[in-house]
Amino acid sequence: METIHLKVNSKVYDHVMWLLKQFDSKDVEIVSDDFFKNKEELEEDLRKIDAGEMKMYTLEEFEQDTDELLKKYEG
């Protein structure tokens, strides 16, 4: 399957969606805008990881940092 991303004026949005829904779901799948937003964010995160711009934590490191942060703000 091929994927396209459309920007549609709100005046014609309902008509375009109606048209797309006329196709069998095996032929046309409507993918939400959230998919593309999430995909772009994940691709940027992956780029940062590959470039060494993002620190990765083990589960143990995360738990330790979280415990320390909670202790700091508990009182």
PDB file of N, CA and C in Angstrom:
ATOM      1  N   MET A   1       0.841  -1.193   0.000  1.00  0.00           N
ATOM      2  CA  MET A   1       0.000   0.000   0.000  1.00  0.00           C
ATOM      3  C   MET A   1       0.873   1.239   0.000  1.00  0.00           C
ATOM      4  N   GLU A   2       0.401   2.276  -0.606  1.00  0.00           N
ATOM      5  CA  GLU A   2       1.059   3.574  -0.600  1.00  0.00           C
ATOM      6  C   GLU A   2       0.379   4.448   0.446  1.00  0.00           C
ATOM      7  N   THR A   3       1.104   5.440   0.953  1.00  0.00           N
ATOM      8  CA  THR A   3       0.539   6.349   1.945  1.00  0.00           C
ATOM      9  C   THR A   3       0.640   7.771   1.422  1.00  0.00           C
ATOM     10  N   ILE A   4      -0.459   8.525   1.556  1.00  0.00           N
ATOM     11  CA  ILE A   4      -0.449   9.938   1.210  1.00  0.00           C
ATOM     12  C   ILE A   4      -0.951  10.731   2.408  1.00  0.00           C
ATOM     13  N   HIS A   5      -0.499  11.951   2.493  1.00  0.00           N
ATOM     14  CA  HIS A   5      -0.924  12.842   3.570  1.00  0.00           C
ATOM     15  C   HIS A   5      -1.528  14.059   2.892  1.00  0.00           C
ATOM     16  N   LEU A   6      -2.773  14.386   3.215  1.00  0.00           N
ATOM     17  CA  LEU A   6      -3.471  15.492   2.571  1.00  0.00           C
ATOM     18  C   LEU A   6      -3.792  16.574   3.577  1.00  0.00           C
ATOM     19  N   LYS A   7      -3.666  17.816   3.153  1.00  0.00           N
ATOM     20  CA  LYS A   7      -4.213  18.932   3.921  1.00  0.00           C
ATOM     21  C   LYS A   7      -5.461  19.357   3.179  1.00  0.00           C
ATOM     22  N   VAL A   8      -6.591  19.340   3.879  1.00  0.00           N
ATOM     23  CA  VAL A   8      -7.871  19.592   3.230  1.00  0.00           C
ATOM     24  C   VAL A   8      -8.568  20.737   3.956  1.00  0.00           C
ATOM     25  N   ASN A   9      -9.077  21.664   3.183  1.00  0.00           N
ATOM     26  CA  ASN A   9      -9.836  22.779   3.740  1.00  0.00           C
ATOM     27  C   ASN A   9     -11.034  22.221   4.503  1.00  0.00           C
ATOM     28  N   SER A  10     -11.348  22.837   5.625  1.00  0.00           N
ATOM     29  CA  SER A  10     -12.456  22.342   6.452  1.00  0.00           C
ATOM     30  C   SER A  10     -13.788  22.346   5.703  1.00  0.00           C
ATOM     31  N   LYS A  11     -13.890  23.173   4.662  1.00  0.00           N
ATOM     32  CA  LYS A  11     -15.133  23.217   3.881  1.00  0.00           C
ATOM     33  C   LYS A  11     -15.379  21.919   3.119  1.00  0.00           C
ATOM     34  N   VAL A  12     -14.307  21.233   2.729  1.00  0.00           N
ATOM     35  CA  VAL A  12     -14.467  20.013   1.931  1.00  0.00           C
ATOM     36  C   VAL A  12     -14.095  18.749   2.704  1.00  0.00           C
ATOM     37  N   TYR A  13     -13.652  18.898   3.947  1.00  0.00           N
ATOM     38  CA  TYR A  13     -13.188  17.754   4.736  1.00  0.00           C
ATOM     39  C   TYR A  13     -14.225  16.630   4.782  1.00  0.00           C
ATOM     40  N   ASP A  14     -15.456  16.968   5.142  1.00  0.00           N
ATOM     41  CA  ASP A  14     -16.496  15.934   5.261  1.00  0.00           C
ATOM     42  C   ASP A  14     -16.729  15.217   3.933  1.00  0.00           C
ATOM     43  N   HIS A  15     -16.667  15.946   2.839  1.00  0.00           N
ATOM     44  CA  HIS A  15     -16.869  15.336   1.518  1.00  0.00           C
ATOM     45  C   HIS A  15     -15.728  14.375   1.179  1.00  0.00           C
ATOM     46  N   VAL A  16     -14.513  14.800   1.469  1.00  0.00           N
ATOM     47  CA  VAL A  16     -13.353  13.948   1.183  1.00  0.00           C
ATOM     48  C   VAL A  16     -13.411  12.678   2.033  1.00  0.00           C
ATOM     49  N   MET A  17     -13.740  12.838   3.311  1.00  0.00           N
ATOM     50  CA  MET A  17     -13.833  11.667   4.191  1.00  0.00           C
ATOM     51  C   MET A  17     -14.942  10.726   3.726  1.00  0.00           C
ATOM     52  N   TRP A  18     -16.070  11.293   3.319  1.00  0.00           N
ATOM     53  CA  TRP A  18     -17.157  10.466   2.809  1.00  0.00           C
ATOM     54  C   TRP A  18     -16.681   9.657   1.606  1.00  0.00           C
ATOM     55  N   LEU A  19     -15.991  10.338   0.681  1.00  0.00           N
ATOM     56  CA  LEU A  19     -15.497   9.657  -0.510  1.00  0.00           C
ATOM     57  C   LEU A  19     -14.539   8.528  -0.147  1.00  0.00           C
ATOM     58  N   LEU A  20     -13.601   8.790   0.735  1.00  0.00           N
ATOM     59  CA  LEU A  20     -12.627   7.767   1.120  1.00  0.00           C
ATOM     60  C   LEU A  20     -13.289   6.570   1.792  1.00  0.00           C
ATOM     61  N   LYS A  21     -14.336   6.835   2.543  1.00  0.00           N
ATOM     62  CA  LYS A  21     -15.036   5.750   3.244  1.00  0.00           C
ATOM     63  C   LYS A  21     -15.838   4.864   2.298  1.00  0.00           C
ATOM     64  N   GLN A  22     -16.008   5.295   1.054  1.00  0.00           N
ATOM     65  CA  GLN A  22     -16.737   4.491   0.068  1.00  0.00           C
ATOM     66  C   GLN A  22     -15.901   3.316  -0.422  1.00  0.00           C
ATOM     67  N   PHE A  23     -14.589   3.403  -0.262  1.00  0.00           N
ATOM     68  CA  PHE A  23     -13.705   2.319  -0.691  1.00  0.00           C
ATOM     69  C   PHE A  23     -13.661   1.219   0.361  1.00  0.00           C
ATOM     70  N   ASP A  24     -13.414   0.023  -0.081  1.00  0.00           N
ATOM     71  CA  ASP A  24     -13.249  -1.112   0.828  1.00  0.00           C
ATOM     72  C   ASP A  24     -12.028  -0.871   1.711  1.00  0.00           C
ATOM     73  N   SER A  25     -12.120  -1.235   2.974  1.00  0.00           N
ATOM     74  CA  SER A  25     -11.020  -0.999   3.915  1.00  0.00           C
ATOM     75  C   SER A  25      -9.744  -1.751   3.533  1.00  0.00           C
ATOM     76  N   LYS A  26      -9.866  -2.779   2.683  1.00  0.00           N
ATOM     77  CA  LYS A  26      -8.678  -3.479   2.184  1.00  0.00           C
ATOM     78  C   LYS A  26      -7.944  -2.626   1.150  1.00  0.00           C
ATOM     79  N   ASP A  27      -8.668  -1.682   0.541  1.00  0.00           N
ATOM     80  CA  ASP A  27      -8.085  -0.843  -0.509  1.00  0.00           C
ATOM     81  C   ASP A  27      -7.645   0.529   0.003  1.00  0.00           C
ATOM     82  N   VAL A  28      -8.391   1.088   0.951  1.00  0.00           N
ATOM     83  CA  VAL A  28      -8.078   2.410   1.495  1.00  0.00           C
ATOM     84  C   VAL A  28      -8.237   2.363   3.004  1.00  0.00           C
ATOM     85  N   GLU A  29      -7.168   2.695   3.695  1.00  0.00           N
ATOM     86  CA  GLU A  29      -7.210   2.761   5.155  1.00  0.00           C
ATOM     87  C   GLU A  29      -7.002   4.220   5.552  1.00  0.00           C
ATOM     88  N   ILE A  30      -7.894   4.762   6.352  1.00  0.00           N
ATOM     89  CA  ILE A  30      -7.771   6.137   6.798  1.00  0.00           C
ATOM     90  C   ILE A  30      -6.875   6.144   8.025  1.00  0.00           C
ATOM     91  N   VAL A  31      -5.749   6.843   7.903  1.00  0.00           N
ATOM     92  CA  VAL A  31      -4.773   6.930   8.983  1.00  0.00           C
ATOM     93  C   VAL A  31      -4.907   8.306   9.597  1.00  0.00           C
ATOM     94  N   SER A  32      -5.030   8.381  10.910  1.00  0.00           N
ATOM     95  CA  SER A  32      -5.255   9.669  11.566  1.00  0.00           C
ATOM     96  C   SER A  32      -4.032  10.563  11.493  1.00  0.00           C
ATOM     97  N   ASP A  33      -4.251  11.859  11.670  1.00  0.00           N
ATOM     98  CA  ASP A  33      -3.146  12.824  11.702  1.00  0.00           C
ATOM     99  C   ASP A  33      -2.198  12.526  12.847  1.00  0.00           C
ATOM    100  N   ASP A  34      -2.711  11.954  13.923  1.00  0.00           N
ATOM    101  CA  ASP A  34      -1.860  11.614  15.070  1.00  0.00           C
ATOM    102  C   ASP A  34      -0.746  10.662  14.652  1.00  0.00           C
ATOM    103  N   PHE A  35      -1.052   9.770  13.721  1.00  0.00           N
ATOM    104  CA  PHE A  35      -0.051   8.823  13.241  1.00  0.00           C
ATOM    105  C   PHE A  35       1.152   9.567  12.682  1.00  0.00           C
ATOM    106  N   PHE A  36       0.894  10.571  11.836  1.00  0.00           N
ATOM    107  CA  PHE A  36       1.989  11.306  11.200  1.00  0.00           C
ATOM    108  C   PHE A  36       2.739  12.166  12.207  1.00  0.00           C
ATOM    109  N   LYS A  37       2.009  12.759  13.143  1.00  0.00           N
ATOM    110  CA  LYS A  37       2.663  13.571  14.176  1.00  0.00           C
ATOM    111  C   LYS A  37       3.570  12.680  15.028  1.00  0.00           C
ATOM    112  N   ASN A  38       3.043  11.548  15.465  1.00  0.00           N
ATOM    113  CA  ASN A  38       3.831  10.622  16.281  1.00  0.00           C
ATOM    114  C   ASN A  38       5.023  10.087  15.499  1.00  0.00           C
ATOM    115  N   LYS A  39       4.821   9.774  14.224  1.00  0.00           N
ATOM    116  CA  LYS A  39       5.897   9.257  13.386  1.00  0.00           C
ATOM    117  C   LYS A  39       7.021  10.283  13.276  1.00  0.00           C
ATOM    118  N   GLU A  40       6.669  11.546  13.051  1.00  0.00           N
ATOM    119  CA  GLU A  40       7.680  12.600  12.944  1.00  0.00           C
ATOM    120  C   GLU A  40       8.438  12.763  14.267  1.00  0.00           C
ATOM    121  N   GLU A  41       7.715  12.725  15.383  1.00  0.00           N
ATOM    122  CA  GLU A  41       8.358  12.857  16.691  1.00  0.00           C
ATOM    123  C   GLU A  41       9.301  11.685  16.961  1.00  0.00           C
ATOM    124  N   LEU A  42       8.877  10.479  16.619  1.00  0.00           N
ATOM    125  CA  LEU A  42       9.712   9.309  16.829  1.00  0.00           C
ATOM    126  C   LEU A  42      10.941   9.321  15.929  1.00  0.00           C
ATOM    127  N   GLU A  43      10.767   9.787  14.695  1.00  0.00           N
ATOM    128  CA  GLU A  43      11.909   9.887  13.792  1.00  0.00           C
ATOM    129  C   GLU A  43      12.931  10.898  14.321  1.00  0.00           C
ATOM    130  N   GLU A  44      12.451  12.010  14.888  1.00  0.00           N
ATOM    131  CA  GLU A  44      13.355  13.005  15.466  1.00  0.00           C
ATOM    132  C   GLU A  44      14.070  12.428  16.688  1.00  0.00           C
ATOM    133  N   ASP A  45      13.334  11.697  17.535  1.00  0.00           N
ATOM    134  CA  ASP A  45      13.965  11.041  18.690  1.00  0.00           C
ATOM    135  C   ASP A  45      15.039  10.060  18.242  1.00  0.00           C
ATOM    136  N   LEU A  46      14.753   9.283  17.214  1.00  0.00           N
ATOM    137  CA  LEU A  46      15.724   8.320  16.695  1.00  0.00           C
ATOM    138  C   LEU A  46      16.960   9.038  16.154  1.00  0.00           C
ATOM    139  N   ARG A  47      16.747  10.149  15.465  1.00  0.00           N
ATOM    140  CA  ARG A  47      17.870  10.933  14.955  1.00  0.00           C
ATOM    141  C   ARG A  47      18.751  11.410  16.109  1.00  0.00           C
ATOM    142  N   LYS A  48      18.114  11.898  17.201  1.00  0.00           N
ATOM    143  CA  LYS A  48      18.857  12.372  18.371  1.00  0.00           C
ATOM    144  C   LYS A  48      19.617  11.224  19.043  1.00  0.00           C
ATOM    145  N   ILE A  49      19.011  10.067  19.117  1.00  0.00           N
ATOM    146  CA  ILE A  49      19.684   8.902  19.713  1.00  0.00           C
ATOM    147  C   ILE A  49      20.896   8.536  18.874  1.00  0.00           C
ATOM    148  N   ASP A  50      20.707   8.450  17.553  1.00  0.00           N
ATOM    149  CA  ASP A  50      21.809   8.091  16.657  1.00  0.00           C
ATOM    150  C   ASP A  50      22.938   9.118  16.703  1.00  0.00           C
ATOM    151  N   ALA A  51      22.594  10.390  16.916  1.00  0.00           N
ATOM    152  CA  ALA A  51      23.592  11.455  16.942  1.00  0.00           C
ATOM    153  C   ALA A  51      24.220  11.617  18.325  1.00  0.00           C
ATOM    154  N   GLY A  52      23.740  10.838  19.301  1.00  0.00           N
ATOM    155  CA  GLY A  52      24.265  10.941  20.660  1.00  0.00           C
ATOM    156  C   GLY A  52      23.775  12.167  21.396  1.00  0.00           C
ATOM    157  N   GLU A  53      22.681  12.764  20.939  1.00  0.00           N
ATOM    158  CA  GLU A  53      22.138  13.966  21.554  1.00  0.00           C
ATOM    159  C   GLU A  53      21.109  13.659  22.639  1.00  0.00           C
ATOM    160  N   MET A  54      20.762  12.400  22.802  1.00  0.00           N
ATOM    161  CA  MET A  54      19.746  12.015  23.779  1.00  0.00           C
ATOM    162  C   MET A  54      20.334  10.939  24.681  1.00  0.00           C
ATOM    163  N   LYS A  55      20.218  11.159  25.984  1.00  0.00           N
ATOM    164  CA  LYS A  55      20.751  10.194  26.943  1.00  0.00           C
ATOM    165  C   LYS A  55      19.760   9.059  27.115  1.00  0.00           C
ATOM    166  N   MET A  56      20.265   7.862  27.075  1.00  0.00           N
ATOM    167  CA  MET A  56      19.445   6.681  27.289  1.00  0.00           C
ATOM    168  C   MET A  56      19.698   6.172  28.699  1.00  0.00           C
ATOM    169  N   TYR A  57      18.666   5.701  29.356  1.00  0.00           N
ATOM    170  CA  TYR A  57      18.755   5.191  30.721  1.00  0.00           C
ATOM    171  C   TYR A  57      18.356   3.727  30.755  1.00  0.00           C
ATOM    172  N   THR A  58      19.006   2.989  31.633  1.00  0.00           N
ATOM    173  CA  THR A  58      18.535   1.636  31.915  1.00  0.00           C
ATOM    174  C   THR A  58      17.349   1.767  32.853  1.00  0.00           C
ATOM    175  N   LEU A  59      16.598   0.709  33.007  1.00  0.00           N
ATOM    176  CA  LEU A  59      15.471   0.721  33.925  1.00  0.00           C
ATOM    177  C   LEU A  59      15.951   1.006  35.348  1.00  0.00           C
ATOM    178  N   GLU A  60      17.071   0.424  35.719  1.00  0.00           N
ATOM    179  CA  GLU A  60      17.611   0.633  37.067  1.00  0.00           C
ATOM    180  C   GLU A  60      17.985   2.100  37.283  1.00  0.00           C
ATOM    181  N   GLU A  61      18.623   2.726  36.275  1.00  0.00           N
ATOM    182  CA  GLU A  61      18.988   4.142  36.387  1.00  0.00           C
ATOM    183  C   GLU A  61      17.747   5.015  36.504  1.00  0.00           C
ATOM    184  N   PHE A  62      16.729   4.704  35.721  1.00  0.00           N
ATOM    185  CA  PHE A  62      15.481   5.452  35.774  1.00  0.00           C
ATOM    186  C   PHE A  62      14.853   5.347  37.161  1.00  0.00           C
ATOM    187  N   GLU A  63      14.775   4.126  37.689  1.00  0.00           N
ATOM    188  CA  GLU A  63      14.178   3.922  39.013  1.00  0.00           C
ATOM    189  C   GLU A  63      14.963   4.664  40.085  1.00  0.00           C
ATOM    190  N   GLN A  64      16.289   4.625  40.004  1.00  0.00           N
ATOM    191  CA  GLN A  64      17.125   5.307  40.985  1.00  0.00           C
ATOM    192  C   GLN A  64      16.903   6.822  40.907  1.00  0.00           C
ATOM    193  N   ASP A  65      16.923   7.382  39.703  1.00  0.00           N
ATOM    194  CA  ASP A  65      16.699   8.818  39.537  1.00  0.00           C
ATOM    195  C   ASP A  65      15.309   9.220  40.009  1.00  0.00           C
ATOM    196  N   THR A  66      14.318   8.403  39.718  1.00  0.00           N
ATOM    197  CA  THR A  66      12.946   8.686  40.143  1.00  0.00           C
ATOM    198  C   THR A  66      12.833   8.652  41.655  1.00  0.00           C
ATOM    199  N   ASP A  67      13.438   7.639  42.291  1.00  0.00           N
ATOM    200  CA  ASP A  67      13.419   7.547  43.752  1.00  0.00           C
ATOM    201  C   ASP A  67      14.076   8.768  44.387  1.00  0.00           C
ATOM    202  N   GLU A  68      15.213   9.196  43.839  1.00  0.00           N
ATOM    203  CA  GLU A  68      15.907  10.373  44.367  1.00  0.00           C
ATOM    204  C   GLU A  68      15.062  11.634  44.200  1.00  0.00           C
ATOM    205  N   LEU A  69      14.405  11.773  43.079  1.00  0.00           N
ATOM    206  CA  LEU A  69      13.562  12.928  42.834  1.00  0.00           C
ATOM    207  C   LEU A  69      12.356  12.957  43.775  1.00  0.00           C
ATOM    208  N   LEU A  70      11.751  11.804  43.976  1.00  0.00           N
ATOM    209  CA  LEU A  70      10.612  11.721  44.894  1.00  0.00           C
ATOM    210  C   LEU A  70      11.031  12.061  46.331  1.00  0.00           C
ATOM    211  N   LYS A  71      12.174  11.557  46.766  1.00  0.00           N
ATOM    212  CA  LYS A  71      12.684  11.856  48.106  1.00  0.00           C
ATOM    213  C   LYS A  71      12.928  13.348  48.259  1.00  0.00           C
ATOM    214  N   LYS A  72      13.439  13.967  47.232  1.00  0.00           N
ATOM    215  CA  LYS A  72      13.751  15.402  47.262  1.00  0.00           C
ATOM    216  C   LYS A  72      12.493  16.217  47.482  1.00  0.00           C
ATOM    217  N   TYR A  73      11.392  15.855  46.857  1.00  0.00           N
ATOM    218  CA  TYR A  73      10.176  16.645  46.915  1.00  0.00           C
ATOM    219  C   TYR A  73       9.165  16.171  47.958  1.00  0.00           C
ATOM    220  N   GLU A  74       9.436  15.047  48.610  1.00  0.00           N
ATOM    221  CA  GLU A  74       8.529  14.567  49.643  1.00  0.00           C
ATOM    222  C   GLU A  74       8.644  15.385  50.931  1.00  0.00           C
ATOM    223  N   GLY A  75       9.722  16.006  51.132  1.00  0.00           N
ATOM    224  CA  GLY A  75       9.812  16.806  52.344  1.00  0.00           C
ATOM    225  C   GLY A  75      11.129  16.784  52.919  1.00  0.00           C
TER     226      GLY A  75
END
